[in-house]
Amino acid sequence: MDLHFDGSNLSSNRSGLFYYYGTEQEAATQCPKIVSEGKGPVPGPEAIFAGGQHCLRTSQGTAGWLSVNDVKIAANSGYIVLNYKLFH
């Protein structure tokens, strides 16, 4: 499991989550670059909100992009709905 959601925060294994502020289309070129350069890693669990975006590095080293469509914050019973793409 590369991503973890605890009902209010999103985190990843091995600091594999990175801040991203672009479009979904730009993510195909920007996220692999951000991940390979290690730019803007999220330092720990990230408070998540609808519309938030991140680049990510999977446990297999693949770069990806994710966007939060919807989230309900609740201890042990929250949910998160993501769009994601992995780039080869």
Protein backbone atom coordinates (compact mmCIF):
# COMPACT_ATOMS: atom_id res chain seq x y z
CA MET A 1 0.00 0.00 0.00
CA ASP A 2 1.56 3.29 -1.07
CA LEU A 3 -1.11 5.67 0.27
CA HIS A 4 -2.79 5.70 3.66
CA PHE A 5 -5.90 7.65 4.72
CA ASP A 6 -6.72 7.66 8.42
CA GLY A 7 -10.03 9.53 8.22
CA SER A 8 -8.47 12.98 8.13
CA ASN A 9 -4.91 12.80 6.75
CA LEU A 10 -3.29 11.31 3.67
CA SER A 11 0.25 9.96 3.86
CA SER A 12 2.53 7.79 1.77
CA ASN A 13 5.32 5.31 2.28
CA ARG A 14 8.91 6.65 2.23
CA SER A 15 7.99 10.34 1.75
CA GLY A 16 6.53 9.53 -1.67
CA LEU A 17 3.98 12.37 -1.73
CA PHE A 18 4.86 15.75 -3.28
CA TYR A 19 3.07 19.08 -3.51
CA TYR A 20 1.66 19.86 -6.97
CA TYR A 21 -0.08 22.99 -8.26
CA GLY A 22 -0.71 22.43 -11.97
CA THR A 23 -3.32 21.02 -14.29
CA GLU A 24 -4.09 17.36 -14.82
CA GLN A 25 -2.68 17.63 -18.36
CA GLU A 26 0.60 19.17 -17.17
CA ALA A 27 0.99 16.45 -14.53
CA ALA A 28 2.15 13.96 -17.19
CA THR A 29 5.38 15.93 -17.63
CA GLN A 30 5.60 17.77 -14.31
CA CYS A 31 5.08 14.91 -11.83
CA PRO A 32 7.88 12.66 -13.15
CA LYS A 33 10.21 15.68 -12.96
CA ILE A 34 9.07 16.67 -9.45
CA VAL A 35 9.43 13.08 -8.20
CA SER A 36 12.85 12.49 -9.77
CA GLU A 37 14.20 15.79 -8.39
CA GLY A 38 12.52 15.27 -4.99
CA LYS A 39 11.02 18.79 -5.11
CA GLY A 40 8.51 19.72 -2.42
CA PRO A 41 8.04 16.47 -0.51
CA VAL A 42 5.16 16.42 1.94
CA PRO A 43 6.93 16.09 5.31
CA GLY A 44 4.28 13.93 7.00
CA PRO A 45 0.57 13.24 7.00
CA GLU A 46 -1.21 15.83 4.86
CA ALA A 47 -4.56 17.40 5.79
CA ILE A 48 -6.59 16.70 2.69
CA PHE A 49 -9.35 18.68 0.97
CA ALA A 50 -11.47 18.37 -2.17
CA GLY A 51 -9.58 19.78 -5.14
CA GLY A 52 -6.15 19.13 -3.62
CA GLN A 53 -3.51 17.59 -5.91
CA HIS A 54 -0.22 15.80 -5.35
CA CYS A 55 2.44 13.98 -7.29
CA LEU A 56 3.51 10.65 -5.89
CA ARG A 57 6.23 8.04 -6.10
CA THR A 58 5.01 4.46 -5.84
CA SER A 59 6.91 1.72 -4.04
CA GLN A 60 8.04 0.52 -7.49
CA GLY A 61 9.47 3.95 -8.35
CA THR A 62 6.71 4.95 -10.78
CA ALA A 63 5.65 8.61 -10.78
CA GLY A 64 1.99 9.44 -10.54
CA TRP A 65 -0.56 12.20 -9.98
CA LEU A 66 -3.62 12.29 -7.76
CA SER A 67 -6.48 14.69 -7.23
CA VAL A 68 -9.02 14.60 -4.42
CA ASN A 69 -12.59 14.59 -5.78
CA ASP A 70 -14.36 14.31 -2.44
CA VAL A 71 -13.44 13.74 1.18
CA LYS A 72 -15.28 13.33 4.45
CA ILE A 73 -13.14 13.96 7.51
CA ALA A 74 -14.09 11.72 10.43
CA ALA A 75 -11.89 9.75 12.80
CA ASN A 76 -11.88 6.09 11.71
CA SER A 77 -14.93 6.49 9.46
CA GLY A 78 -14.01 9.13 6.89
CA TYR A 79 -13.62 8.50 3.19
CA ILE A 80 -11.68 9.87 0.25
CA VAL A 81 -12.43 9.73 -3.49
CA LEU A 82 -9.37 10.11 -5.74
CA ASN A 83 -8.55 10.51 -9.41
CA TYR A 84 -5.09 9.20 -10.18
CA LYS A 85 -2.78 8.45 -13.07
CA LEU A 86 0.51 6.59 -13.10
CA PHE A 87 3.19 7.52 -15.65
CA HIS A 88 5.68 5.06 -17.12
